[in-house]
């Protein structure tokens, strides 16, 4: 996986550079987390197209499984995309709730993702992760 590590306001933020769907299952998620973990990075930016279409169908369970790994390993995630095209009320509610909590955020642009992740002052450390 090709990742770029940015340093913004003292925060290391990994951006997945691929334009392909690379997160198709839990193992892909664990591979990504291991890849950025070697950089001691606790914030990741993905694009909507980096996630398999099943991610956006909550009935598939993929979103829950994938996002649970980010939570378990204390990694903050921003997903960039146009989420207005998804008509599922449950998905729209999920996105709203996620954005309010702030650990997993859905944003419209790379700049918005960088801003939100770099302004979040929560402390992430390996001691706090499982």
N, C-alpha and C. Protein backbone atom coordinates (compact mmCIF):
# COMPACT_ATOMS: atom_id res chain seq x y z
N UNK A 1 0.84 -1.18 0.00
CA UNK A 1 0.00 0.00 0.00
C UNK A 1 0.88 1.24 0.00
N UNK A 2 0.56 2.13 -0.89
CA UNK A 2 1.33 3.35 -1.02
C UNK A 2 0.71 4.44 -0.14
N UNK A 3 1.42 4.84 0.91
CA UNK A 3 0.93 5.88 1.80
C UNK A 3 1.92 7.03 1.85
N UNK A 4 1.38 8.21 2.04
CA UNK A 4 2.19 9.40 2.24
C UNK A 4 1.94 9.86 3.67
N UNK A 5 3.02 10.18 4.38
CA UNK A 5 2.89 10.64 5.76
C UNK A 5 3.11 12.16 5.77
N UNK A 6 2.10 12.87 6.26
CA UNK A 6 2.19 14.32 6.39
C UNK A 6 2.40 14.67 7.85
N UNK A 7 3.09 15.76 8.08
CA UNK A 7 3.26 16.29 9.42
C UNK A 7 2.55 17.64 9.43
N UNK A 8 1.41 17.73 10.14
CA UNK A 8 0.63 18.96 10.18
C UNK A 8 0.36 19.32 11.64
N UNK A 9 0.84 20.47 12.05
CA UNK A 9 0.65 20.95 13.42
C UNK A 9 1.00 19.89 14.45
N UNK A 10 2.11 19.20 14.24
CA UNK A 10 2.56 18.19 15.18
C UNK A 10 1.85 16.86 15.08
N UNK A 11 0.98 16.71 14.10
CA UNK A 11 0.24 15.46 13.90
C UNK A 11 0.78 14.72 12.69
N UNK A 12 1.02 13.44 12.83
CA UNK A 12 1.35 12.60 11.67
C UNK A 12 0.04 12.08 11.10
N UNK A 13 -0.16 12.35 9.81
CA UNK A 13 -1.38 11.92 9.15
C UNK A 13 -0.99 11.12 7.91
N UNK A 14 -1.49 9.89 7.80
CA UNK A 14 -1.20 9.05 6.64
C UNK A 14 -2.33 9.21 5.63
N UNK A 15 -1.94 9.36 4.37
CA UNK A 15 -2.91 9.43 3.28
C UNK A 15 -2.66 8.25 2.37
N UNK A 16 -3.68 7.44 2.17
CA UNK A 16 -3.58 6.32 1.22
C UNK A 16 -3.60 6.91 -0.18
N UNK A 17 -2.58 6.66 -0.95
CA UNK A 17 -2.44 7.32 -2.25
C UNK A 17 -3.13 6.58 -3.39
N UNK A 18 -3.42 5.32 -3.23
CA UNK A 18 -4.04 4.54 -4.29
C UNK A 18 -5.45 5.04 -4.58
N UNK A 19 -5.85 4.92 -5.82
CA UNK A 19 -7.21 5.30 -6.22
C UNK A 19 -8.12 4.07 -6.29
N UNK A 20 -7.58 2.90 -5.99
CA UNK A 20 -8.33 1.66 -6.08
C UNK A 20 -8.97 1.28 -4.74
N UNK A 21 -9.96 0.41 -4.81
CA UNK A 21 -10.57 -0.14 -3.60
C UNK A 21 -9.60 -1.13 -2.98
N UNK A 22 -9.02 -0.75 -1.88
CA UNK A 22 -8.04 -1.61 -1.22
C UNK A 22 -8.57 -2.22 0.07
N UNK A 23 -9.64 -1.65 0.60
CA UNK A 23 -10.22 -2.16 1.83
C UNK A 23 -11.48 -2.94 1.45
N UNK A 24 -11.31 -4.25 1.33
CA UNK A 24 -12.42 -5.11 0.94
C UNK A 24 -12.87 -6.03 2.07
N UNK A 25 -12.01 -6.13 3.11
CA UNK A 25 -12.33 -6.99 4.24
C UNK A 25 -11.49 -6.58 5.45
N UNK A 26 -11.68 -7.27 6.55
CA UNK A 26 -10.98 -6.94 7.78
C UNK A 26 -9.47 -7.10 7.62
N UNK A 27 -9.03 -8.12 6.90
CA UNK A 27 -7.59 -8.33 6.73
C UNK A 27 -6.94 -7.15 6.00
N UNK A 28 -7.63 -6.60 5.00
CA UNK A 28 -7.10 -5.42 4.31
C UNK A 28 -6.96 -4.26 5.29
N UNK A 29 -7.91 -4.13 6.20
CA UNK A 29 -7.86 -3.08 7.21
C UNK A 29 -6.65 -3.28 8.12
N UNK A 30 -6.46 -4.49 8.58
CA UNK A 30 -5.31 -4.79 9.45
C UNK A 30 -4.00 -4.53 8.73
N UNK A 31 -3.94 -4.87 7.44
CA UNK A 31 -2.73 -4.60 6.65
C UNK A 31 -2.44 -3.10 6.59
N UNK A 32 -3.49 -2.30 6.36
CA UNK A 32 -3.32 -0.84 6.32
C UNK A 32 -2.84 -0.32 7.67
N UNK A 33 -3.46 -0.78 8.74
CA UNK A 33 -3.08 -0.32 10.07
C UNK A 33 -1.63 -0.69 10.39
N UNK A 34 -1.19 -1.86 9.98
CA UNK A 34 0.20 -2.26 10.19
C UNK A 34 1.13 -1.39 9.36
N UNK A 35 0.72 -1.09 8.14
CA UNK A 35 1.54 -0.28 7.23
C UNK A 35 1.78 1.11 7.80
N UNK A 36 0.74 1.75 8.33
CA UNK A 36 0.92 3.10 8.89
C UNK A 36 1.46 3.04 10.31
N UNK A 37 1.25 1.93 10.98
CA UNK A 37 1.74 1.79 12.35
C UNK A 37 3.25 1.87 12.45
N UNK A 38 3.95 1.42 11.42
CA UNK A 38 5.42 1.50 11.45
C UNK A 38 5.90 2.95 11.44
N UNK A 39 5.03 3.87 11.06
CA UNK A 39 5.36 5.30 11.05
C UNK A 39 4.87 5.99 12.32
N UNK A 40 4.36 5.20 13.29
CA UNK A 40 3.79 5.72 14.52
C UNK A 40 2.75 6.79 14.23
N UNK A 41 1.88 6.46 13.30
CA UNK A 41 0.85 7.37 12.82
C UNK A 41 -0.51 6.89 13.33
N UNK A 42 -1.30 7.82 13.87
CA UNK A 42 -2.59 7.46 14.47
C UNK A 42 -3.76 8.16 13.79
N UNK A 43 -3.52 8.71 12.60
CA UNK A 43 -4.57 9.38 11.84
C UNK A 43 -4.39 9.00 10.37
N UNK A 44 -5.49 8.61 9.74
CA UNK A 44 -5.44 8.13 8.36
C UNK A 44 -6.53 8.80 7.54
N UNK A 45 -6.19 9.12 6.30
CA UNK A 45 -7.16 9.65 5.35
C UNK A 45 -7.31 8.64 4.21
N UNK A 46 -8.55 8.24 3.97
CA UNK A 46 -8.90 7.37 2.84
C UNK A 46 -9.87 8.12 1.94
N UNK A 47 -9.93 7.68 0.71
CA UNK A 47 -10.95 8.19 -0.21
C UNK A 47 -12.07 7.15 -0.30
N UNK A 48 -13.23 7.62 -0.61
CA UNK A 48 -14.40 6.75 -0.74
C UNK A 48 -14.10 5.56 -1.64
N UNK A 49 -13.38 5.79 -2.74
CA UNK A 49 -13.10 4.69 -3.67
C UNK A 49 -12.02 3.73 -3.16
N UNK A 50 -11.40 4.01 -2.01
CA UNK A 50 -10.48 3.06 -1.40
C UNK A 50 -11.23 1.96 -0.66
N UNK A 51 -12.53 2.15 -0.48
CA UNK A 51 -13.37 1.20 0.25
C UNK A 51 -14.26 0.45 -0.73
N UNK A 52 -14.40 -0.83 -0.51
CA UNK A 52 -15.27 -1.65 -1.35
C UNK A 52 -16.70 -1.10 -1.27
N UNK A 53 -17.47 -1.18 -2.34
CA UNK A 53 -18.85 -0.70 -2.33
C UNK A 53 -19.68 -1.29 -1.18
N UNK A 54 -19.37 -2.50 -0.77
CA UNK A 54 -20.12 -3.13 0.33
C UNK A 54 -19.99 -2.34 1.63
N UNK A 55 -18.93 -1.57 1.77
CA UNK A 55 -18.73 -0.75 2.97
C UNK A 55 -19.93 0.19 3.18
N UNK A 56 -20.47 0.71 2.08
CA UNK A 56 -21.54 1.70 2.14
C UNK A 56 -22.93 1.06 2.18
N UNK A 57 -22.98 -0.25 2.23
CA UNK A 57 -24.23 -0.99 2.45
C UNK A 57 -24.13 -1.55 3.86
N UNK A 58 -24.71 -0.85 4.82
CA UNK A 58 -24.53 -1.24 6.23
C UNK A 58 -25.00 -2.65 6.52
N UNK A 59 -25.92 -3.16 5.71
CA UNK A 59 -26.39 -4.55 5.92
C UNK A 59 -25.28 -5.57 5.69
N UNK A 60 -24.27 -5.21 4.93
CA UNK A 60 -23.17 -6.16 4.67
C UNK A 60 -22.32 -6.40 5.91
N UNK A 61 -22.32 -5.45 6.83
CA UNK A 61 -21.51 -5.58 8.04
C UNK A 61 -20.06 -5.14 7.87
N UNK A 62 -19.66 -4.86 6.63
CA UNK A 62 -18.25 -4.51 6.38
C UNK A 62 -17.86 -3.21 7.10
N UNK A 63 -18.70 -2.20 7.04
CA UNK A 63 -18.36 -0.93 7.70
C UNK A 63 -18.14 -1.14 9.19
N UNK A 64 -19.02 -1.87 9.82
CA UNK A 64 -18.88 -2.13 11.25
C UNK A 64 -17.60 -2.86 11.59
N UNK A 65 -17.27 -3.88 10.80
CA UNK A 65 -16.05 -4.65 11.06
C UNK A 65 -14.80 -3.81 10.84
N UNK A 66 -14.78 -3.05 9.75
CA UNK A 66 -13.62 -2.23 9.42
C UNK A 66 -13.43 -1.12 10.46
N UNK A 67 -14.51 -0.40 10.75
CA UNK A 67 -14.39 0.73 11.67
C UNK A 67 -14.11 0.29 13.09
N UNK A 68 -14.52 -0.92 13.45
CA UNK A 68 -14.19 -1.45 14.76
C UNK A 68 -12.68 -1.59 14.92
N UNK A 69 -12.00 -1.97 13.86
CA UNK A 69 -10.53 -2.10 13.92
C UNK A 69 -9.88 -0.74 14.15
N UNK A 70 -10.39 0.29 13.49
CA UNK A 70 -9.84 1.64 13.71
C UNK A 70 -10.05 2.05 15.17
N UNK A 71 -11.20 1.74 15.72
CA UNK A 71 -11.49 2.06 17.10
C UNK A 71 -10.61 1.25 18.05
N UNK A 72 -10.52 -0.04 17.81
CA UNK A 72 -9.72 -0.92 18.67
C UNK A 72 -8.26 -0.47 18.73
N UNK A 73 -7.71 -0.07 17.60
CA UNK A 73 -6.31 0.32 17.54
C UNK A 73 -6.12 1.83 17.72
N UNK A 74 -7.20 2.53 18.10
CA UNK A 74 -7.14 3.95 18.43
C UNK A 74 -6.58 4.79 17.27
N UNK A 75 -7.08 4.53 16.09
CA UNK A 75 -6.68 5.26 14.89
C UNK A 75 -7.85 6.12 14.43
N UNK A 76 -7.62 7.42 14.31
CA UNK A 76 -8.65 8.32 13.82
C UNK A 76 -8.66 8.25 12.28
N UNK A 77 -9.86 8.26 11.70
CA UNK A 77 -10.01 8.07 10.26
C UNK A 77 -10.89 9.16 9.66
N UNK A 78 -10.41 9.70 8.53
CA UNK A 78 -11.24 10.60 7.72
C UNK A 78 -11.43 9.94 6.37
N UNK A 79 -12.68 9.90 5.92
CA UNK A 79 -13.01 9.33 4.62
C UNK A 79 -13.53 10.47 3.74
N UNK A 80 -12.87 10.66 2.60
CA UNK A 80 -13.24 11.74 1.68
C UNK A 80 -14.16 11.20 0.60
N UNK A 81 -15.25 11.92 0.35
CA UNK A 81 -16.14 11.50 -0.73
C UNK A 81 -17.38 12.36 -0.81
N UNK A 82 -18.21 12.03 -1.77
CA UNK A 82 -19.52 12.67 -1.91
C UNK A 82 -20.54 11.66 -1.41
N UNK A 83 -20.95 11.80 -0.17
CA UNK A 83 -21.82 10.82 0.46
C UNK A 83 -23.30 11.14 0.27
N UNK A 84 -23.59 12.26 -0.37
CA UNK A 84 -24.99 12.64 -0.61
C UNK A 84 -25.66 11.70 -1.60
N UNK A 85 -24.87 10.99 -2.38
CA UNK A 85 -25.46 10.09 -3.38
C UNK A 85 -26.04 8.81 -2.77
N UNK A 86 -25.67 8.54 -1.52
CA UNK A 86 -26.20 7.35 -0.86
C UNK A 86 -27.56 7.69 -0.25
N UNK A 87 -28.57 6.95 -0.65
CA UNK A 87 -29.93 7.27 -0.24
C UNK A 87 -30.38 6.54 1.02
N UNK A 88 -29.58 5.62 1.50
CA UNK A 88 -29.93 4.87 2.71
C UNK A 88 -30.00 5.81 3.92
N UNK A 89 -31.16 5.86 4.55
CA UNK A 89 -31.31 6.69 5.75
C UNK A 89 -30.38 6.20 6.86
N UNK A 90 -30.25 4.89 6.99
CA UNK A 90 -29.38 4.37 8.06
C UNK A 90 -27.92 4.77 7.81
N UNK A 91 -27.48 4.77 6.55
CA UNK A 91 -26.10 5.19 6.26
C UNK A 91 -25.94 6.68 6.52
N UNK A 92 -26.90 7.49 6.10
CA UNK A 92 -26.82 8.94 6.35
C UNK A 92 -26.80 9.23 7.85
N UNK A 93 -27.62 8.50 8.62
CA UNK A 93 -27.63 8.66 10.07
C UNK A 93 -26.28 8.25 10.68
N UNK A 94 -25.73 7.16 10.15
CA UNK A 94 -24.44 6.67 10.62
C UNK A 94 -23.35 7.73 10.37
N UNK A 95 -23.36 8.33 9.18
CA UNK A 95 -22.37 9.35 8.84
C UNK A 95 -22.52 10.55 9.78
N UNK A 96 -23.74 10.99 9.99
CA UNK A 96 -23.99 12.13 10.90
C UNK A 96 -23.48 11.83 12.31
N UNK A 97 -23.82 10.66 12.82
CA UNK A 97 -23.40 10.27 14.16
C UNK A 97 -21.88 10.16 14.25
N UNK A 98 -21.26 9.57 13.25
CA UNK A 98 -19.80 9.44 13.24
C UNK A 98 -19.14 10.81 13.27
N UNK A 99 -19.65 11.73 12.47
CA UNK A 99 -19.07 13.07 12.41
C UNK A 99 -19.23 13.82 13.73
N UNK A 100 -20.30 13.55 14.46
CA UNK A 100 -20.49 14.20 15.75
C UNK A 100 -19.50 13.67 16.78
N UNK A 101 -19.24 12.38 16.75
CA UNK A 101 -18.30 11.78 17.70
C UNK A 101 -16.87 12.16 17.36
N UNK A 102 -16.51 12.12 16.08
CA UNK A 102 -15.23 12.63 15.63
C UNK A 102 -14.10 11.64 15.47
N UNK A 103 -14.28 10.40 15.88
CA UNK A 103 -13.19 9.43 15.70
C UNK A 103 -13.11 8.97 14.25
N UNK A 104 -14.25 8.76 13.65
CA UNK A 104 -14.38 8.45 12.23
C UNK A 104 -15.18 9.60 11.62
N UNK A 105 -14.60 10.28 10.64
CA UNK A 105 -15.31 11.41 10.04
C UNK A 105 -15.42 11.23 8.54
N UNK A 106 -16.51 11.70 8.01
CA UNK A 106 -16.79 11.67 6.58
C UNK A 106 -16.76 13.12 6.11
N UNK A 107 -15.88 13.43 5.16
CA UNK A 107 -15.68 14.80 4.71
C UNK A 107 -15.74 14.88 3.19
N UNK A 108 -15.80 16.11 2.68
CA UNK A 108 -15.93 16.31 1.24
C UNK A 108 -14.62 16.52 0.50
N UNK A 109 -13.55 16.89 1.22
CA UNK A 109 -12.31 17.23 0.52
C UNK A 109 -11.08 16.85 1.34
N UNK A 110 -9.96 16.77 0.66
CA UNK A 110 -8.69 16.49 1.31
C UNK A 110 -8.35 17.60 2.30
N UNK A 111 -8.60 18.84 1.91
CA UNK A 111 -8.31 19.97 2.81
C UNK A 111 -9.14 19.89 4.09
N UNK A 112 -10.40 19.53 3.96
CA UNK A 112 -11.26 19.40 5.14
C UNK A 112 -10.76 18.26 6.03
N UNK A 113 -10.34 17.16 5.42
CA UNK A 113 -9.81 16.03 6.19
C UNK A 113 -8.56 16.43 6.96
N UNK A 114 -7.64 17.10 6.28
CA UNK A 114 -6.41 17.55 6.94
C UNK A 114 -6.71 18.50 8.09
N UNK A 115 -7.64 19.44 7.85
CA UNK A 115 -7.97 20.41 8.88
C UNK A 115 -8.57 19.74 10.11
N UNK A 116 -9.53 18.85 9.90
CA UNK A 116 -10.20 18.21 11.04
C UNK A 116 -9.25 17.30 11.81
N UNK A 117 -8.41 16.54 11.09
CA UNK A 117 -7.49 15.64 11.79
C UNK A 117 -6.37 16.41 12.48
N UNK A 118 -5.89 17.48 11.89
CA UNK A 118 -4.78 18.21 12.51
C UNK A 118 -5.25 19.07 13.68
N UNK A 119 -6.53 19.45 13.70
CA UNK A 119 -7.05 20.26 14.80
C UNK A 119 -7.53 19.43 15.98
N UNK A 120 -7.63 18.13 15.80
CA UNK A 120 -8.08 17.26 16.88
C UNK A 120 -6.90 17.06 17.83
N UNK A 121 -7.08 17.43 19.07
CA UNK A 121 -5.99 17.38 20.05
C UNK A 121 -6.01 16.14 20.93
N UNK A 122 -6.84 15.16 20.58
CA UNK A 122 -6.81 13.93 21.38
C UNK A 122 -5.43 13.31 21.30
N UNK A 123 -5.04 12.69 22.36
CA UNK A 123 -3.73 12.04 22.40
C UNK A 123 -3.88 10.58 22.02
N UNK A 124 -3.04 10.18 21.09
CA UNK A 124 -3.04 8.80 20.65
C UNK A 124 -1.69 8.21 21.00
N UNK A 125 -1.72 7.08 21.63
CA UNK A 125 -0.45 6.43 21.96
C UNK A 125 -0.65 4.93 21.90
N UNK A 126 0.45 4.25 21.72
CA UNK A 126 0.39 2.79 21.66
C UNK A 126 -0.09 2.23 23.00
N UNK A 127 0.19 2.91 24.09
CA UNK A 127 -0.25 2.42 25.41
C UNK A 127 -1.77 2.44 25.51
N UNK A 128 -2.42 3.37 24.82
CA UNK A 128 -3.88 3.44 24.90
C UNK A 128 -4.57 2.52 23.91
N UNK A 129 -3.83 1.94 23.00
CA UNK A 129 -4.46 1.06 22.01
C UNK A 129 -4.39 -0.38 22.47
N UNK A 130 -5.24 -1.20 21.87
CA UNK A 130 -5.31 -2.62 22.26
C UNK A 130 -4.53 -3.47 21.30
